[in-house]
C-alpha atoms as a PDB file:
ATOM      1  CA  MET A   1      -0.188   0.035  -0.142  1.00  0.00           C
ATOM      2  CA  ILE A   2       1.300   3.346  -0.912  1.00  0.00           C
ATOM      3  CA  PRO A   3       2.161   5.327   2.287  1.00  0.00           C
ATOM      4  CA  VAL A   4       1.378   8.907   0.774  1.00  0.00           C
ATOM      5  CA  ASN A   5      -0.532   9.358  -2.390  1.00  0.00           C
ATOM      6  CA  ILE A   6      -1.394  13.038  -3.281  1.00  0.00           C
ATOM      7  CA  LYS A   7      -3.628  13.551  -6.472  1.00  0.00           C
ATOM      8  CA  ASN A   8      -4.073  17.289  -7.715  1.00  0.00           C
ATOM      9  CA  ILE A   9      -4.133  18.816  -4.493  1.00  0.00           C
ATOM     10  CA  SER A  10      -4.680  22.815  -4.700  1.00  0.00           C
ATOM     11  CA  LYS A  11      -5.177  25.216  -1.650  1.00  0.00           C
ATOM     12  CA  ALA A  12      -5.564  28.969  -1.603  1.00  0.00           C
ATOM     13  CA  TYR A  13      -5.733  31.562   1.169  1.00  0.00           C
ATOM     14  CA  GLY A  14      -7.842  34.331  -0.237  1.00  0.00           C
ATOM     15  CA  SER A  15      -6.168  35.372  -3.367  1.00  0.00           C
ATOM     16  CA  THR A  16      -2.703  33.677  -2.602  1.00  0.00           C
ATOM     17  CA  LYS A  17      -2.456  29.940  -4.224  1.00  0.00           C
ATOM     18  CA  ALA A  18      -0.456  28.123  -1.797  1.00  0.00           C
ATOM     19  CA  LEU A  19      -0.619  24.842  -3.558  1.00  0.00           C
ATOM     20  CA  LYS A  20      -1.282  24.392  -7.417  1.00  0.00           C
ATOM     21  CA  ASN A  21      -2.517  21.051  -8.675  1.00  0.00           C
ATOM     22  CA  VAL A  22       0.044  19.004  -6.652  1.00  0.00           C
ATOM     23  CA  SER A  23       0.425  15.258  -7.271  1.00  0.00           C
ATOM     24  CA  LEU A  24       3.145  12.788  -5.852  1.00  0.00           C
ATOM     25  CA  GLN A  25       3.597   9.378  -4.381  1.00  0.00           C
ATOM     26  CA  VAL A  26       5.856   8.559  -1.464  1.00  0.00           C
ATOM     27  CA  GLU A  27       6.909   4.855  -1.595  1.00  0.00           C
ATOM     28  CA  GLN A  28       7.125   2.513   1.315  1.00  0.00           C
ATOM     29  CA  GLY A  29      10.412   2.631   3.571  1.00  0.00           C
ATOM     30  CA  GLU A  30      11.892   5.726   1.844  1.00  0.00           C
ATOM     31  CA  ILE A  31      13.072   9.191   2.973  1.00  0.00           C
ATOM     32  CA  PHE A  32      11.274  11.536   0.711  1.00  0.00           C
ATOM     33  CA  GLY A  33      12.037  15.197   0.636  1.00  0.00           C
ATOM     34  CA  LEU A  34       9.967  18.208  -0.228  1.00  0.00           C
ATOM     35  CA  ILE A  35      12.574  20.781  -1.074  1.00  0.00           C
ATOM     36  CA  GLY A  36      12.125  24.628  -1.595  1.00  0.00           C
ATOM     37  CA  PRO A  37      12.532  27.980  -0.027  1.00  0.00           C
ATOM     38  CA  ASP A  38      10.133  29.555   2.585  1.00  0.00           C
ATOM     39  CA  GLY A  39       6.614  30.213   1.219  1.00  0.00           C
ATOM     40  CA  ALA A  40       6.825  27.465  -1.435  1.00  0.00           C
ATOM     41  CA  GLY A  41       3.720  25.465   0.132  1.00  0.00           C
ATOM     42  CA  LYS A  42       5.623  22.937   1.841  1.00  0.00           C
ATOM     43  CA  THR A  43       3.804  23.419   5.473  1.00  0.00           C
ATOM     44  CA  THR A  44       0.613  23.777   3.741  1.00  0.00           C
ATOM     45  CA  LEU A  45       0.879  20.318   2.170  1.00  0.00           C
ATOM     46  CA  PHE A  46       2.018  18.834   5.545  1.00  0.00           C
ATOM     47  CA  ARG A  47      -0.820  19.980   7.254  1.00  0.00           C
ATOM     48  CA  ILE A  48      -3.121  18.624   4.717  1.00  0.00           C
ATOM     49  CA  LEU A  49      -1.388  15.231   5.053  1.00  0.00           C
ATOM     50  CA  VAL A  50      -1.845  15.174   8.794  1.00  0.00           C
ATOM     51  CA  THR A  51      -5.495  15.897   8.857  1.00  0.00           C
ATOM     52  CA  LEU A  52      -4.985  19.447  10.188  1.00  0.00           C
ATOM     53  CA  LEU A  53      -6.121  21.417   6.843  1.00  0.00           C
ATOM     54  CA  LEU A  54      -8.510  20.635   4.096  1.00  0.00           C
ATOM     55  CA  PRO A  55      -7.767  21.003   0.373  1.00  0.00           C
ATOM     56  CA  ASP A  56      -9.735  23.026  -1.724  1.00  0.00           C
ATOM     57  CA  GLU A  57      -9.397  20.736  -4.681  1.00  0.00           C
ATOM     58  CA  GLY A  58      -7.853  17.192  -4.990  1.00  0.00           C
ATOM     59  CA  SER A  59      -7.457  14.387  -2.727  1.00  0.00           C
ATOM     60  CA  ALA A  60      -4.600  12.964  -0.360  1.00  0.00           C
ATOM     61  CA  ALA A  61      -4.395   9.300   1.250  1.00  0.00           C
ATOM     62  CA  VAL A  62      -2.254   8.109   3.624  1.00  0.00           C
ATOM     63  CA  LEU A  63      -1.861   4.314   3.775  1.00  0.00           C
ATOM     64  CA  GLY A  64      -4.950   4.083   1.558  1.00  0.00           C
ATOM     65  CA  MET A  65      -7.027   6.290   4.042  1.00  0.00           C
ATOM     66  CA  ASP A  66      -8.473   9.349   2.867  1.00  0.00           C
ATOM     67  CA  THR A  67      -7.186  12.541   4.907  1.00  0.00           C
ATOM     68  CA  VAL A  68     -10.703  13.983   5.161  1.00  0.00           C
ATOM     69  CA  LYS A  69     -13.069  11.060   5.627  1.00  0.00           C
ATOM     70  CA  ASP A  70     -10.593   8.908   7.500  1.00  0.00           C
ATOM     71  CA  PHE A  71      -8.781  11.642   9.639  1.00  0.00           C
ATOM     72  CA  ARG A  72      -9.305   9.804  13.029  1.00  0.00           C
ATOM     73  CA  GLU A  73      -7.626   6.836  11.822  1.00  0.00           C
ATOM     74  CA  ILE A  74      -4.798   8.518  10.047  1.00  0.00           C
ATOM     75  CA  ARG A  75      -3.929  10.544  13.391  1.00  0.00           C
ATOM     76  CA  LYS A  76      -3.431   7.382  15.240  1.00  0.00           C
ATOM     77  CA  ILE A  77      -0.782   5.902  12.768  1.00  0.00           C
ATOM     78  CA  VAL A  78       1.175   8.718  11.719  1.00  0.00           C
ATOM     79  CA  GLY A  79       3.964  11.060  13.596  1.00  0.00           C
ATOM     80  CA  TYR A  80       4.008  14.693  12.790  1.00  0.00           C
ATOM     81  CA  MET A  81       6.897  17.048  13.980  1.00  0.00           C
ATOM     82  CA  PRO A  82       5.922  20.772  12.879  1.00  0.00           C
ATOM     83  CA  GLY A  83       8.246  23.275  11.838  1.00  0.00           C
ATOM     84  CA  LYS A  84       7.582  25.298  14.793  1.00  0.00           C
ATOM     85  CA  PHE A  85       8.681  23.787  18.262  1.00  0.00           C
ATOM     86  CA  SER A  86       5.121  22.849  19.528  1.00  0.00           C
ATOM     87  CA  LEU A  87       5.431  20.879  22.751  1.00  0.00           C
ATOM     88  CA  TYR A  88       4.615  22.335  26.185  1.00  0.00           C
ATOM     89  CA  HIS A  89       7.321  24.726  27.242  1.00  0.00           C
ATOM     90  CA  ASP A  90       6.001  24.617  31.031  1.00  0.00           C
ATOM     91  CA  LEU A  91       6.334  20.566  31.168  1.00  0.00           C
ATOM     92  CA  SER A  92       9.565  18.707  31.585  1.00  0.00           C
ATOM     93  CA  VAL A  93      11.306  16.862  28.984  1.00  0.00           C
ATOM     94  CA  GLU A  94      10.065  13.655  30.596  1.00  0.00           C
ATOM     95  CA  GLU A  95       6.372  14.929  31.340  1.00  0.00           C
ATOM     96  CA  ASN A  96       6.066  16.013  27.514  1.00  0.00           C
ATOM     97  CA  LEU A  97       7.227  12.460  26.428  1.00  0.00           C
ATOM     98  CA  THR A  98       4.738  10.699  28.890  1.00  0.00           C
ATOM     99  CA  PHE A  99       1.960  13.060  27.808  1.00  0.00           C
ATOM    100  CA  PHE A 100       2.223  11.980  24.187  1.00  0.00           C
ATOM    101  CA  ALA A 101       2.623   8.345  24.835  1.00  0.00           C
ATOM    102  CA  THR A 102      -0.527   8.494  27.132  1.00  0.00           C
ATOM    103  CA  ILE A 103      -2.767  10.346  24.406  1.00  0.00           C
ATOM    104  CA  PHE A 104      -1.880   7.525  22.058  1.00  0.00           C
ATOM    105  CA  ASN A 105      -2.874   4.901  24.654  1.00  0.00           C
ATOM    106  CA  THR A 106       0.765   3.556  24.802  1.00  0.00           C
ATOM    107  CA  THR A 107       3.553   3.885  27.458  1.00  0.00           C
ATOM    108  CA  VAL A 108       7.126   5.326  27.093  1.00  0.00           C
ATOM    109  CA  GLU A 109       8.386   1.899  28.299  1.00  0.00           C
ATOM    110  CA  GLU A 110       6.222  -0.102  25.561  1.00  0.00           C
ATOM    111  CA  ASN A 111       8.168   1.714  22.426  1.00  0.00           C
ATOM    112  CA  TYR A 112      11.222   2.819  24.142  1.00  0.00           C
ATOM    113  CA  ASP A 113      13.528   0.812  21.838  1.00  0.00           C
ATOM    114  CA  LEU A 114      12.356   3.089  19.084  1.00  0.00           C
ATOM    115  CA  ILE A 115      13.509   6.261  20.764  1.00  0.00           C
ATOM    116  CA  ARG A 116      16.286   4.843  22.955  1.00  0.00           C
ATOM    117  CA  GLU A 117      19.164   6.253  20.890  1.00  0.00           C
ATOM    118  CA  ILE A 118      17.504   9.703  20.437  1.00  0.00           C
ATOM    119  CA  TYR A 119      16.102  10.050  24.070  1.00  0.00           C
ATOM    120  CA  GLU A 120      19.171   9.032  25.820  1.00  0.00           C
ATOM    121  CA  GLN A 121      21.033  12.097  24.474  1.00  0.00           C
ATOM    122  CA  ILE A 122      18.431  14.237  26.386  1.00  0.00           C
ATOM    123  CA  ALA A 123      17.903  11.722  29.187  1.00  0.00           C
ATOM    124  CA  PRO A 124      20.237  13.934  31.574  1.00  0.00           C
ATOM    125  CA  PHE A 125      18.028  16.741  31.208  1.00  0.00           C
ATOM    126  CA  LYS A 126      14.695  15.013  31.658  1.00  0.00           C
ATOM    127  CA  ASN A 127      13.594  17.228  34.412  1.00  0.00           C
ATOM    128  CA  ARG A 128      14.538  20.397  32.718  1.00  0.00           C
ATOM    129  CA  LEU A 129      11.443  22.559  31.061  1.00  0.00           C
ATOM    130  CA  ALA A 130      11.071  21.843  27.451  1.00  0.00           C
ATOM    131  CA  GLY A 131      11.113  25.804  26.981  1.00  0.00           C
ATOM    132  CA  GLN A 132      14.713  25.948  28.352  1.00  0.00           C
ATOM    133  CA  LEU A 133      16.245  23.456  25.987  1.00  0.00           C
ATOM    134  CA  SER A 134      18.591  24.341  23.054  1.00  0.00           C
ATOM    135  CA  GLY A 135      17.588  24.032  19.639  1.00  0.00           C
ATOM    136  CA  GLY A 136      19.222  20.687  19.096  1.00  0.00           C
ATOM    137  CA  MET A 137      17.826  19.353  22.369  1.00  0.00           C
ATOM    138  CA  LYS A 138      14.191  20.688  21.507  1.00  0.00           C
ATOM    139  CA  GLN A 139      14.625  18.844  18.141  1.00  0.00           C
ATOM    140  CA  LYS A 140      15.341  15.563  19.687  1.00  0.00           C
ATOM    141  CA  LEU A 141      12.492  15.768  22.110  1.00  0.00           C
ATOM    142  CA  ALA A 142      10.075  16.713  19.442  1.00  0.00           C
ATOM    143  CA  LEU A 143      11.466  13.681  17.336  1.00  0.00           C
ATOM    144  CA  SER A 144      10.844  11.300  20.293  1.00  0.00           C
ATOM    145  CA  CYS A 145       7.364  12.682  20.983  1.00  0.00           C
ATOM    146  CA  ALA A 146       6.400  12.026  17.271  1.00  0.00           C
ATOM    147  CA  LEU A 147       7.803   8.476  17.301  1.00  0.00           C
ATOM    148  CA  ILE A 148       6.665   7.422  20.898  1.00  0.00           C
ATOM    149  CA  HIS A 149       3.340   5.671  19.525  1.00  0.00           C
ATOM    150  CA  LYS A 150       5.395   3.819  16.721  1.00  0.00           C
ATOM    151  CA  PRO A 151       4.068   5.583  13.680  1.00  0.00           C
ATOM    152  CA  LYS A 152       3.910   4.019  10.224  1.00  0.00           C
ATOM    153  CA  VAL A 153       4.695   7.301   8.574  1.00  0.00           C
ATOM    154  CA  LEU A 154       6.602  10.181   9.953  1.00  0.00           C
ATOM    155  CA  PHE A 155       6.160  13.648   8.663  1.00  0.00           C
ATOM    156  CA  LEU A 156       8.885  16.325   9.459  1.00  0.00           C
ATOM    157  CA  ASP A 157       8.136  19.772   8.499  1.00  0.00           C
ATOM    158  CA  GLU A 158      11.510  21.556   8.132  1.00  0.00           C
ATOM    159  CA  PRO A 159      13.092  19.630  11.192  1.00  0.00           C
ATOM    160  CA  THR A 160      16.649  21.034  10.965  1.00  0.00           C
ATOM    161  CA  THR A 161      15.621  24.782  10.493  1.00  0.00           C
ATOM    162  CA  GLY A 162      17.492  26.917  13.159  1.00  0.00           C
ATOM    163  CA  VAL A 163      19.767  24.202  14.512  1.00  0.00           C
ATOM    164  CA  ASP A 164      23.673  24.062  14.118  1.00  0.00           C
ATOM    165  CA  ALA A 165      25.572  22.030  11.544  1.00  0.00           C
ATOM    166  CA  VAL A 166      26.462  19.109  14.189  1.00  0.00           C
ATOM    167  CA  SER A 167      22.904  18.961  15.258  1.00  0.00           C
ATOM    168  CA  ARG A 168      21.676  18.703  11.409  1.00  0.00           C
ATOM    169  CA  LYS A 169      24.294  16.023  10.826  1.00  0.00           C
ATOM    170  CA  GLU A 170      23.259  13.908  14.113  1.00  0.00           C
ATOM    171  CA  PHE A 171      19.766  14.363  13.036  1.00  0.00           C
ATOM    172  CA  TRP A 172      20.125  12.770   9.634  1.00  0.00           C
ATOM    173  CA  GLU A 173      21.894   9.868  11.061  1.00  0.00           C
ATOM    174  CA  ILE A 174      18.982   9.258  13.224  1.00  0.00           C
ATOM    175  CA  LEU A 175      16.748   9.496  10.345  1.00  0.00           C
ATOM    176  CA  GLN A 176      18.748   6.847   8.646  1.00  0.00           C
ATOM    177  CA  ARG A 177      18.354   4.443  11.702  1.00  0.00           C
ATOM    178  CA  ILE A 178      14.530   5.162  11.897  1.00  0.00           C
ATOM    179  CA  LYS A 179      14.202   4.494   8.106  1.00  0.00           C
ATOM    180  CA  ALA A 180      16.027   1.183   8.683  1.00  0.00           C
ATOM    181  CA  GLN A 181      13.175   0.006  11.258  1.00  0.00           C
ATOM    182  CA  GLY A 182      10.689   0.159   8.267  1.00  0.00           C
ATOM    183  CA  ILE A 183       9.294   3.715   8.959  1.00  0.00           C
ATOM    184  CA  THR A 184       8.411   5.735   5.864  1.00  0.00           C
ATOM    185  CA  ILE A 185       9.818   9.422   6.276  1.00  0.00           C
ATOM    186  CA  MET A 186       8.315  12.430   4.622  1.00  0.00           C
ATOM    187  CA  LEU A 187      10.192  15.732   5.280  1.00  0.00           C
ATOM    188  CA  SER A 188      10.534  19.144   4.015  1.00  0.00           C
ATOM    189  CA  THR A 189      13.565  21.476   4.113  1.00  0.00           C
ATOM    190  CA  SER A 190      14.668  24.636   2.550  1.00  0.00           C
ATOM    191  CA  TYR A 191      18.422  23.499   2.909  1.00  0.00           C
ATOM    192  CA  MET A 192      19.191  22.447  -0.635  1.00  0.00           C
ATOM    193  CA  ASP A 193      22.170  20.435   0.711  1.00  0.00           C
ATOM    194  CA  GLU A 194      19.835  17.998   2.366  1.00  0.00           C
ATOM    195  CA  ALA A 195      18.237  16.945  -0.907  1.00  0.00           C
ATOM    196  CA  ALA A 196      21.277  14.602  -1.497  1.00  0.00           C
ATOM    197  CA  LEU A 197      20.400  12.645   1.755  1.00  0.00           C
ATOM    198  CA  CYS A 198      17.025  11.801   0.611  1.00  0.00           C
ATOM    199  CA  ASP A 199      15.942   8.717  -1.457  1.00  0.00           C
ATOM    200  CA  ARG A 200      13.914  10.893  -3.787  1.00  0.00           C
ATOM    201  CA  VAL A 201      12.859  14.616  -3.790  1.00  0.00           C
ATOM    202  CA  ALA A 202      10.224  16.825  -5.137  1.00  0.00           C
ATOM    203  CA  LEU A 203      11.397  20.507  -5.821  1.00  0.00           C
ATOM    204  CA  ILE A 204       8.456  22.991  -5.135  1.00  0.00           C
ATOM    205  CA  GLN A 205       8.417  26.525  -5.885  1.00  0.00           C
ATOM    206  CA  GLU A 206       5.330  28.850  -5.238  1.00  0.00           C
ATOM    207  CA  GLY A 207       3.131  26.000  -4.892  1.00  0.00           C
ATOM    208  CA  SER A 208       4.033  24.033  -7.964  1.00  0.00           C
ATOM    209  CA  LEU A 209       6.103  20.983  -8.263  1.00  0.00           C
ATOM    210  CA  MET A 210       9.026  21.527 -10.653  1.00  0.00           C
ATOM    211  CA  THR A 211      10.331  17.847 -10.710  1.00  0.00           C
ATOM    212  CA  ILE A 212      10.385  14.573  -8.899  1.00  0.00           C
ATOM    213  CA  ASP A 213      13.193  12.106  -8.871  1.00  0.00           C
ATOM    214  CA  THR A 214      16.173  11.026  -6.873  1.00  0.00           C
ATOM    215  CA  PRO A 215      18.761  13.397  -6.360  1.00  0.00           C
ATOM    216  CA  GLY A 216      21.252  11.800  -8.633  1.00  0.00           C
ATOM    217  CA  ASN A 217      18.935  11.696 -11.611  1.00  0.00           C
ATOM    218  CA  ILE A 218      18.091  15.432 -11.288  1.00  0.00           C
ATOM    219  CA  VAL A 219      21.562  16.441 -11.267  1.00  0.00           C
ATOM    220  CA  GLY A 220      22.404  14.029 -13.988  1.00  0.00           C
ATOM    221  CA  ARG A 221      19.689  15.837 -16.246  1.00  0.00           C
ATOM    222  CA  PHE A 222      21.266  19.180 -15.824  1.00  0.00           C
ATOM    223  CA  PRO A 223      21.112  20.390 -19.338  1.00  0.00           C
ATOM    224  CA  HIS A 224      24.041  23.143 -19.585  1.00  0.00           C
ATOM    225  CA  LYS A 225      27.703  23.453 -18.681  1.00  0.00           C
ATOM    226  CA  LEU A 226      28.009  25.412 -15.337  1.00  0.00           C
ATOM    227  CA  PHE A 227      30.483  27.751 -14.403  1.00  0.00           C
ATOM    228  CA  ALA A 228      31.533  29.517 -11.242  1.00  0.00           C
ATOM    229  CA  VAL A 229      33.185  32.875 -11.156  1.00  0.00           C
ATOM    230  CA  ARG A 230      34.731  35.346  -8.428  1.00  0.00           C
ATOM    231  CA  THR A 231      35.768  38.739  -8.483  1.00  0.00           C
ATOM    232  CA  ALA A 232      36.208  41.430  -5.956  1.00  0.00           C
ATOM    233  CA  ASP A 233      32.888  42.852  -6.649  1.00  0.00           C
ATOM    234  CA  THR A 234      30.385  40.152  -6.494  1.00  0.00           C
ATOM    235  CA  PHE A 235      27.211  42.347  -6.682  1.00  0.00           C
ATOM    236  CA  ARG A 236      28.241  44.177  -9.990  1.00  0.00           C
ATOM    237  CA  LEU A 237      29.620  40.674 -11.387  1.00  0.00           C
ATOM    238  CA  ILE A 238      25.910  39.320 -11.537  1.00  0.00           C
ATOM    239  CA  SER A 239      24.826  42.165 -13.609  1.00  0.00           C
ATOM    240  CA  ASP A 240      27.954  42.063 -15.872  1.00  0.00           C
ATOM    241  CA  ILE A 241      27.693  38.237 -16.447  1.00  0.00           C
ATOM    242  CA  ARG A 242      23.861  38.508 -17.457  1.00  0.00           C
ATOM    243  CA  ASN A 243      24.993  41.203 -19.962  1.00  0.00           C
ATOM    244  CA  PHE A 244      27.515  38.873 -21.512  1.00  0.00           C
ATOM    245  CA  GLU A 245      26.450  37.054 -24.713  1.00  0.00           C
ATOM    246  CA  ASN A 246      25.091  33.423 -24.532  1.00  0.00           C
ATOM    247  CA  THR A 247      24.898  33.015 -20.950  1.00  0.00           C
ATOM    248  CA  GLY A 248      21.837  31.483 -19.195  1.00  0.00           C
ATOM    249  CA  SER A 249      20.783  31.633 -15.534  1.00  0.00           C
ATOM    250  CA  VAL A 250      23.024  33.527 -13.375  1.00  0.00           C
ATOM    251  CA  PHE A 251      22.711  33.292  -9.442  1.00  0.00           C
ATOM    252  CA  PRO A 252      24.883  34.406  -6.542  1.00  0.00           C
ATOM    253  CA  PHE A 253      26.139  31.224  -4.519  1.00  0.00           C
ATOM    254  CA  GLY A 254      28.056  32.429  -1.484  1.00  0.00           C
ATOM    255  CA  ASP A 255      31.053  34.557  -2.596  1.00  0.00           C
ATOM    256  CA  ALA A 256      30.761  33.188  -6.154  1.00  0.00           C
ATOM    257  CA  VAL A 257      28.359  33.575  -8.936  1.00  0.00           C
ATOM    258  CA  HIS A 258      27.164  30.332 -10.762  1.00  0.00           C
ATOM    259  CA  PHE A 259      25.953  30.704 -14.376  1.00  0.00           C
ATOM    260  CA  THR A 260      25.077  28.477 -17.400  1.00  0.00           C
ATOM    261  CA  ALA A 261      26.204  28.446 -20.875  1.00  0.00           C
ATOM    262  CA  ASP A 262      26.806  26.052 -23.617  1.00  0.00           C
ATOM    263  CA  ASP A 263      29.865  27.175 -25.284  1.00  0.00           C
ATOM    264  CA  LYS A 264      32.719  26.230 -22.875  1.00  0.00           C
ATOM    265  CA  ASN A 265      35.411  27.340 -25.072  1.00  0.00           C
ATOM    266  CA  MET A 266      34.063  30.847 -25.629  1.00  0.00           C
ATOM    267  CA  ILE A 267      33.301  31.394 -21.816  1.00  0.00           C
ATOM    268  CA  LEU A 268      36.938  30.433 -20.776  1.00  0.00           C
ATOM    269  CA  SER A 269      38.571  32.177 -23.499  1.00  0.00           C
ATOM    270  CA  GLN A 270      36.397  35.332 -23.737  1.00  0.00           C
ATOM    271  CA  LEU A 271      34.804  35.935 -20.398  1.00  0.00           C
ATOM    272  CA  PRO A 272      38.064  36.999 -18.415  1.00  0.00           C
ATOM    273  CA  GLY A 273      38.902  39.809 -20.789  1.00  0.00           C
ATOM    274  CA  TYR A 274      35.095  40.903 -20.914  1.00  0.00           C
ATOM    275  CA  LEU A 275      35.331  41.079 -17.132  1.00  0.00           C
ATOM    276  CA  LYS A 276      38.679  43.159 -17.133  1.00  0.00           C
ATOM    277  CA  LYS A 277      37.094  45.598 -19.504  1.00  0.00           C
ATOM    278  CA  GLN A 278      34.428  46.069 -16.826  1.00  0.00           C
ATOM    279  CA  ASN A 279      37.008  46.746 -14.191  1.00  0.00           C
ATOM    280  CA  HIS A 280      36.825  43.522 -12.272  1.00  0.00           C
ATOM    281  CA  HIS A 281      39.705  42.327 -10.337  1.00  0.00           C
ATOM    282  CA  ASN A 282      41.038  39.003  -8.835  1.00  0.00           C
ATOM    283  CA  ILE A 283      38.950  36.926 -11.550  1.00  0.00           C
ATOM    284  CA  ALA A 284      38.681  33.182 -10.910  1.00  0.00           C
ATOM    285  CA  LEU A 285      36.620  31.164 -13.270  1.00  0.00           C
ATOM    286  CA  LYS A 286      36.145  27.389 -13.761  1.00  0.00           C
ATOM    287  CA  GLU A 287      33.630  24.820 -14.851  1.00  0.00           C
ATOM    288  CA  ILE A 288      31.868  22.998 -12.098  1.00  0.00           C
ATOM    289  CA  GLU A 289      29.742  20.244 -11.499  1.00  0.00           C
ATOM    290  CA  PRO A 290      26.009  21.053 -10.626  1.00  0.00           C
ATOM    291  CA  THR A 291      24.368  20.458  -7.263  1.00  0.00           C
ATOM    292  CA  ILE A 292      20.697  20.051  -6.391  1.00  0.00           C
ATOM    293  CA  GLU A 293      20.537  23.913  -5.730  1.00  0.00           C
ATOM    294  CA  ASP A 294      21.887  24.597  -9.053  1.00  0.00           C
ATOM    295  CA  CYS A 295      19.187  22.355 -10.585  1.00  0.00           C
ATOM    296  CA  PHE A 296      16.544  24.336  -8.495  1.00  0.00           C
ATOM    297  CA  MET A 297      17.594  27.603  -9.755  1.00  0.00           C
ATOM    298  CA  ASP A 298      17.794  26.472 -13.301  1.00  0.00           C
ATOM    299  CA  LEU A 299      14.277  25.057 -13.234  1.00  0.00           C
ATOM    300  CA  MET A 300      13.072  28.182 -11.633  1.00  0.00           C
ATOM    301  CA  ASN A 301      14.458  30.238 -14.341  1.00  0.00           C
ATOM    302  CA  LYS A 302      12.686  28.000 -16.946  1.00  0.00           C
ATOM    303  CA  ASN A 303       9.344  28.410 -15.280  1.00  0.00           C
ATOM    304  CA  ASN A 304       9.954  31.950 -14.650  1.00  0.00           C
ATOM    305  CA  PRO A 305      11.755  33.526 -17.628  1.00  0.00           C
ATOM    306  CA  ALA A 306      12.764  37.030 -17.489  1.00  0.00           C
END
């Protein structure tokens, strides 16, 4: 049975269309990532899937159960970790975990093996109020509470937002071990580098899906040659690259500018001279391999041409 099956879901808030005819399937036992920037529609879709929001059009099913008609049954078999920390700040770590186990008619002891590795990291702080935990500790507590009733499908809405790099790495290692226990995971993130850690991903922008595939296949289909260039004036560099002939998408990436072009020889032989004429200094230019973020920007450029 398909864990998550979404067909032509649309949702609007007044005149703002949060989701536009979204369709996708999540397969059994995979980590499926919904990748996109803030405001892309990720949270709206997750709230529909966990039965907290009704779609305007289309339908969604979790393990064959309709999210509208069968909401009571779905809530018993899914785990949900919202993007905003939503546990009880004035309850301790231990009290929060016990509370969530109780409302699902289970006990911490019954399913402790499922959360042991996660909970043992925060157990020394079990008497601390949840509101006084660090970001990484809050994340682990929220995940423990989402898992304590042994869900069949786990929904994680931007679970690594606002935590440090070490905690992000630890969290993904935990997800891989949860997956190994047969739990299907669907998560959302605005961190493009996390896409490579998923089995499959859907890239979403302004409520519309741009592509769905494995990260490797998405990168492998990148249709252009990709270049990175650095100079002493990144801001002006973006405009000058866009004015250079035969360049495609042009976007800032950290202290560099990534851009596409189909004529490698022309770029390498003529662009440095062009940039010197534009009074750029310390020019560093090279061809690079695309990442998921490069693919996302290229797809966005195709869907919204200037």
